Amino acid sequence: MVKSKQAALGLDFWQDPEHAPTNPTALKRTFGQKGPIRVWLQLEEKRIPYTMEKVNMRCYGDKQRSFLAKVPNGLLPVIELDGQVVTESAVIMQLLEEVGAPG
């Protein structure tokens, strides 16, 4: 049934999410390079390669200790860029504007 639905829709449900359109199961997006929603959409729109680490929201359980070591207050979203940890969406988006798409 799934294969017939996939064929009818012209989709590949098993396509590698790293190379597929934006997907909540993708942990890394490289856009052919090696190596949260508005911020996530900005990364996608500007085609900025990124690696994502999924973190529990408090309503779903405790956050990982490794995450809390970097972000003691546990705020999301967060970006670590060149060793700097930033948790404010507007500041993250400004940093992404400055970084822009790769060469």
N, C-alpha and C. Protein backbone atom coordinates (compact mmCIF):
# COMPACT_ATOMS: atom_id res chain seq x y z
N MET A 1 0.83 -1.19 0.00
CA MET A 1 0.00 0.00 0.00
C MET A 1 0.88 1.26 0.00
N VAL A 2 1.93 1.25 0.82
CA VAL A 2 2.81 2.42 0.89
C VAL A 2 3.50 2.64 -0.45
N LYS A 3 3.98 1.56 -1.06
CA LYS A 3 4.67 1.69 -2.35
C LYS A 3 3.73 2.22 -3.42
N SER A 4 2.47 1.79 -3.42
CA SER A 4 1.53 2.30 -4.43
C SER A 4 1.22 3.77 -4.18
N LYS A 5 1.08 4.17 -2.91
CA LYS A 5 0.83 5.58 -2.57
C LYS A 5 2.04 6.43 -2.96
N GLN A 6 3.23 5.92 -2.68
CA GLN A 6 4.46 6.62 -3.05
C GLN A 6 4.52 6.83 -4.56
N ALA A 7 4.21 5.80 -5.33
CA ALA A 7 4.22 5.91 -6.79
C ALA A 7 3.15 6.89 -7.28
N ALA A 8 1.97 6.84 -6.68
CA ALA A 8 0.88 7.73 -7.09
C ALA A 8 1.23 9.20 -6.83
N LEU A 9 1.95 9.45 -5.73
CA LEU A 9 2.31 10.83 -5.37
C LEU A 9 3.64 11.26 -6.00
N GLY A 10 4.37 10.31 -6.55
CA GLY A 10 5.68 10.65 -7.14
C GLY A 10 6.70 11.00 -6.07
N LEU A 11 6.59 10.36 -4.91
CA LEU A 11 7.49 10.65 -3.79
C LEU A 11 8.35 9.44 -3.47
N ASP A 12 9.45 9.68 -2.77
CA ASP A 12 10.28 8.61 -2.26
C ASP A 12 10.31 8.76 -0.74
N PHE A 13 9.47 7.98 -0.03
CA PHE A 13 9.37 8.09 1.42
C PHE A 13 10.64 7.66 2.13
N TRP A 14 11.51 6.94 1.43
CA TRP A 14 12.74 6.44 2.05
C TRP A 14 13.96 7.22 1.59
N GLN A 15 13.76 8.34 0.93
CA GLN A 15 14.88 9.17 0.49
C GLN A 15 15.67 9.64 1.70
N ASP A 16 16.98 9.68 1.54
CA ASP A 16 17.86 10.14 2.62
C ASP A 16 17.47 11.56 3.00
N PRO A 17 17.03 11.80 4.26
CA PRO A 17 16.59 13.15 4.63
C PRO A 17 17.69 14.19 4.57
N GLU A 18 18.97 13.76 4.56
CA GLU A 18 20.06 14.72 4.44
C GLU A 18 20.06 15.39 3.07
N HIS A 19 19.53 14.70 2.07
CA HIS A 19 19.54 15.23 0.71
C HIS A 19 18.15 15.57 0.20
N ALA A 20 17.15 15.35 1.01
CA ALA A 20 15.77 15.61 0.64
C ALA A 20 15.37 17.04 1.02
N PRO A 21 14.17 17.46 0.65
CA PRO A 21 13.69 18.76 1.14
C PRO A 21 13.68 18.77 2.66
N THR A 22 13.58 19.95 3.25
CA THR A 22 13.62 20.07 4.71
C THR A 22 12.69 19.06 5.36
N ASN A 23 13.18 18.44 6.41
CA ASN A 23 12.49 17.32 7.00
C ASN A 23 12.81 17.29 8.49
N PRO A 24 11.81 17.12 9.36
CA PRO A 24 12.08 17.13 10.80
C PRO A 24 12.97 15.97 11.27
N THR A 25 13.15 14.94 10.43
CA THR A 25 14.04 13.84 10.82
C THR A 25 15.48 14.10 10.42
N ALA A 26 15.74 15.13 9.62
CA ALA A 26 17.10 15.43 9.18
C ALA A 26 17.87 16.06 10.32
N LEU A 27 19.03 15.51 10.63
CA LEU A 27 19.88 16.07 11.67
C LEU A 27 20.99 16.91 11.08
N LYS A 28 21.22 16.78 9.79
CA LYS A 28 22.32 17.50 9.16
C LYS A 28 21.90 17.88 7.76
N ARG A 29 22.20 19.10 7.35
CA ARG A 29 21.94 19.56 5.99
C ARG A 29 23.23 20.14 5.45
N THR A 30 23.69 19.63 4.32
CA THR A 30 24.96 20.09 3.78
C THR A 30 24.81 20.83 2.46
N PHE A 31 23.68 20.71 1.78
CA PHE A 31 23.46 21.35 0.49
C PHE A 31 24.63 21.12 -0.45
N GLY A 32 25.12 19.88 -0.49
CA GLY A 32 26.21 19.54 -1.39
C GLY A 32 27.58 19.86 -0.84
N GLN A 33 27.68 20.47 0.31
CA GLN A 33 28.95 20.81 0.93
C GLN A 33 29.37 19.66 1.82
N LYS A 34 30.63 19.53 2.07
CA LYS A 34 31.09 18.53 3.01
C LYS A 34 31.08 19.14 4.41
N GLY A 35 31.35 18.22 5.03
CA GLY A 35 31.49 18.71 6.36
C GLY A 35 30.25 18.44 7.34
N PRO A 36 14.34 24.81 14.74
CA PRO A 36 13.35 25.66 15.43
C PRO A 36 12.72 26.52 14.36
N ILE A 37 11.78 27.11 14.32
CA ILE A 37 11.21 27.12 13.00
C ILE A 37 11.68 28.33 12.20
N ARG A 38 11.60 29.56 12.66
CA ARG A 38 12.05 30.69 11.86
C ARG A 38 13.53 30.58 11.58
N VAL A 39 14.31 30.19 12.58
CA VAL A 39 15.75 30.03 12.39
C VAL A 39 16.00 28.90 11.40
N TRP A 40 15.28 27.79 11.57
CA TRP A 40 15.42 26.64 10.69
C TRP A 40 15.07 27.04 9.25
N LEU A 41 13.99 27.76 9.07
CA LEU A 41 13.60 28.20 7.74
C LEU A 41 14.65 29.14 7.13
N GLN A 42 15.24 29.98 7.95
CA GLN A 42 16.28 30.88 7.44
C GLN A 42 17.51 30.08 6.98
N LEU A 43 17.89 29.07 7.76
CA LEU A 43 19.00 28.21 7.35
C LEU A 43 18.69 27.55 6.01
N GLU A 44 17.46 27.08 5.86
CA GLU A 44 17.06 26.43 4.62
C GLU A 44 17.02 27.42 3.46
N GLU A 45 16.40 28.57 3.68
CA GLU A 45 16.27 29.57 2.62
C GLU A 45 17.62 30.04 2.11
N LYS A 46 18.55 30.27 3.01
CA LYS A 46 19.87 30.77 2.64
C LYS A 46 20.83 29.64 2.28
N ARG A 47 20.37 28.38 2.45
CA ARG A 47 21.17 27.21 2.12
C ARG A 47 22.50 27.21 2.88
N ILE A 48 22.41 27.54 4.17
CA ILE A 48 23.58 27.53 5.05
C ILE A 48 23.73 26.12 5.60
N PRO A 49 24.84 25.44 5.34
CA PRO A 49 25.02 24.08 5.87
C PRO A 49 24.99 24.11 7.40
N TYR A 50 24.35 23.10 7.98
CA TYR A 50 24.28 23.04 9.44
C TYR A 50 24.15 21.60 9.90
N THR A 51 24.47 21.40 11.15
CA THR A 51 24.25 20.12 11.82
C THR A 51 23.35 20.42 13.01
N MET A 52 22.29 19.64 13.15
CA MET A 52 21.32 19.89 14.20
C MET A 52 21.45 18.83 15.29
N GLU A 53 21.35 19.28 16.51
CA GLU A 53 21.28 18.37 17.65
C GLU A 53 19.91 18.56 18.28
N LYS A 54 19.11 17.52 18.28
CA LYS A 54 17.77 17.64 18.85
C LYS A 54 17.85 17.57 20.37
N VAL A 55 17.09 18.44 21.04
CA VAL A 55 17.10 18.56 22.49
C VAL A 55 15.66 18.45 22.99
N ASN A 56 15.46 17.68 24.06
CA ASN A 56 14.12 17.56 24.64
C ASN A 56 13.62 18.92 25.10
N MET A 57 12.34 19.17 24.84
CA MET A 57 11.70 20.30 25.49
C MET A 57 11.34 19.81 26.88
N ARG A 58 11.31 20.67 27.85
CA ARG A 58 11.09 20.23 29.25
C ARG A 58 9.79 19.43 29.42
N CYS A 59 8.78 19.75 28.63
CA CYS A 59 7.51 19.03 28.76
C CYS A 59 7.64 17.57 28.32
N TYR A 60 8.73 17.23 27.60
CA TYR A 60 8.94 15.85 27.15
C TYR A 60 10.02 15.15 27.94
N GLY A 61 10.56 15.77 28.95
CA GLY A 61 11.60 15.13 29.74
C GLY A 61 12.76 16.09 29.99
N ASP A 62 13.73 15.61 30.74
CA ASP A 62 14.88 16.43 31.07
C ASP A 62 15.79 16.65 29.86
N LYS A 63 16.40 17.81 29.83
CA LYS A 63 17.38 18.10 28.79
C LYS A 63 18.69 17.37 29.11
N GLN A 64 19.44 17.05 28.06
CA GLN A 64 20.70 16.35 28.25
C GLN A 64 21.69 17.22 29.02
N ARG A 65 22.48 16.58 29.85
CA ARG A 65 23.48 17.31 30.64
C ARG A 65 24.49 18.03 29.76
N SER A 66 24.85 17.40 28.64
CA SER A 66 25.82 18.04 27.72
C SER A 66 25.26 19.36 27.18
N PHE A 67 23.93 19.41 26.94
CA PHE A 67 23.30 20.64 26.47
C PHE A 67 23.28 21.68 27.58
N LEU A 68 22.88 21.27 28.78
CA LEU A 68 22.81 22.21 29.91
C LEU A 68 24.18 22.74 30.30
N ALA A 69 25.24 22.01 30.01
CA ALA A 69 26.59 22.51 30.27
C ALA A 69 26.90 23.73 29.40
N LYS A 70 26.34 23.75 28.19
CA LYS A 70 26.54 24.88 27.27
C LYS A 70 25.50 25.96 27.47
N VAL A 71 24.27 25.55 27.79
CA VAL A 71 23.14 26.48 27.91
C VAL A 71 22.45 26.20 29.26
N PRO A 72 23.02 26.75 30.35
CA PRO A 72 22.51 26.44 31.69
C PRO A 72 21.01 26.70 31.89
N ASN A 73 20.46 27.73 31.25
CA ASN A 73 19.03 28.01 31.42
C ASN A 73 18.16 27.14 30.51
N GLY A 74 18.77 26.39 29.60
CA GLY A 74 18.04 25.44 28.76
C GLY A 74 17.18 26.06 27.67
N LEU A 75 17.39 27.34 27.36
CA LEU A 75 16.56 28.01 26.36
C LEU A 75 16.77 27.43 24.96
N LEU A 76 15.68 27.43 24.19
CA LEU A 76 15.72 27.04 22.79
C LEU A 76 15.07 28.15 21.98
N PRO A 77 15.44 28.40 20.74
CA PRO A 77 16.51 27.74 20.02
C PRO A 77 17.86 28.23 20.50
N VAL A 78 18.89 27.51 20.09
CA VAL A 78 20.26 27.90 20.42
C VAL A 78 21.14 27.58 19.21
N ILE A 79 22.14 28.39 19.02
CA ILE A 79 23.11 28.14 17.97
C ILE A 79 24.49 28.29 18.58
N GLU A 80 25.39 27.43 18.15
CA GLU A 80 26.79 27.57 18.51
C GLU A 80 27.53 27.86 17.22
N LEU A 81 28.08 29.05 17.12
CA LEU A 81 28.77 29.50 15.91
C LEU A 81 30.13 30.04 16.30
N ASP A 82 31.15 29.41 15.78
CA ASP A 82 32.53 29.80 16.10
C ASP A 82 32.77 29.84 17.61
N GLY A 83 32.22 28.86 18.33
CA GLY A 83 32.42 28.76 19.77
C GLY A 83 31.53 29.66 20.60
N GLN A 84 30.73 30.51 19.96
CA GLN A 84 29.82 31.41 20.67
C GLN A 84 28.43 30.78 20.73
N VAL A 85 27.84 30.70 21.92
CA VAL A 85 26.50 30.14 22.10
C VAL A 85 25.51 31.29 22.22
N VAL A 86 24.47 31.28 21.36
CA VAL A 86 23.46 32.34 21.33
C VAL A 86 22.09 31.68 21.42
N THR A 87 21.21 32.24 22.29
CA THR A 87 19.88 31.66 22.49
C THR A 87 18.73 32.56 22.05
N GLU A 88 18.97 33.76 21.68
CA GLU A 88 17.90 34.68 21.29
C GLU A 88 17.64 34.58 19.79
N SER A 89 16.41 34.24 19.39
CA SER A 89 16.07 34.03 17.98
C SER A 89 16.48 35.19 17.09
N ALA A 90 16.16 36.41 17.50
CA ALA A 90 16.47 37.58 16.67
C ALA A 90 17.98 37.73 16.47
N VAL A 91 18.74 37.47 17.50
CA VAL A 91 20.20 37.57 17.40
C VAL A 91 20.73 36.44 16.51
N ILE A 92 20.19 35.24 16.68
CA ILE A 92 20.59 34.12 15.83
C ILE A 92 20.33 34.46 14.36
N MET A 93 19.15 34.99 14.09
CA MET A 93 18.80 35.31 12.71
C MET A 93 19.71 36.40 12.14
N GLN A 94 20.10 37.37 12.95
CA GLN A 94 21.02 38.41 12.50
C GLN A 94 22.39 37.80 12.18
N LEU A 95 22.86 36.90 13.06
CA LEU A 95 24.13 36.22 12.80
C LEU A 95 24.08 35.45 11.49
N LEU A 96 22.96 34.78 11.24
CA LEU A 96 22.82 34.02 9.99
C LEU A 96 22.80 34.93 8.77
N GLU A 97 22.22 36.12 8.91
CA GLU A 97 22.25 37.10 7.82
C GLU A 97 23.69 37.50 7.51
N GLU A 98 24.46 37.70 8.57
CA GLU A 98 25.86 38.10 8.38
C GLU A 98 26.70 36.98 7.77
N VAL A 99 26.42 35.74 8.18
CA VAL A 99 27.17 34.59 7.66
C VAL A 99 26.80 34.35 6.20
N GLY A 100 25.48 34.39 5.90
CA GLY A 100 25.01 34.19 4.54
C GLY A 100 25.30 32.79 4.01
N ALA A 101 25.05 32.61 2.75
CA ALA A 101 25.27 31.33 2.09
C ALA A 101 26.75 31.16 1.76
N PRO A 102 27.21 29.90 1.74
CA PRO A 102 28.62 29.67 1.43
C PRO A 102 28.94 30.08 0.00
N GLY A 103 30.22 30.52 -0.19
CA GLY A 103 30.80 30.99 -1.43
C GLY A 103 30.17 30.57 -2.65
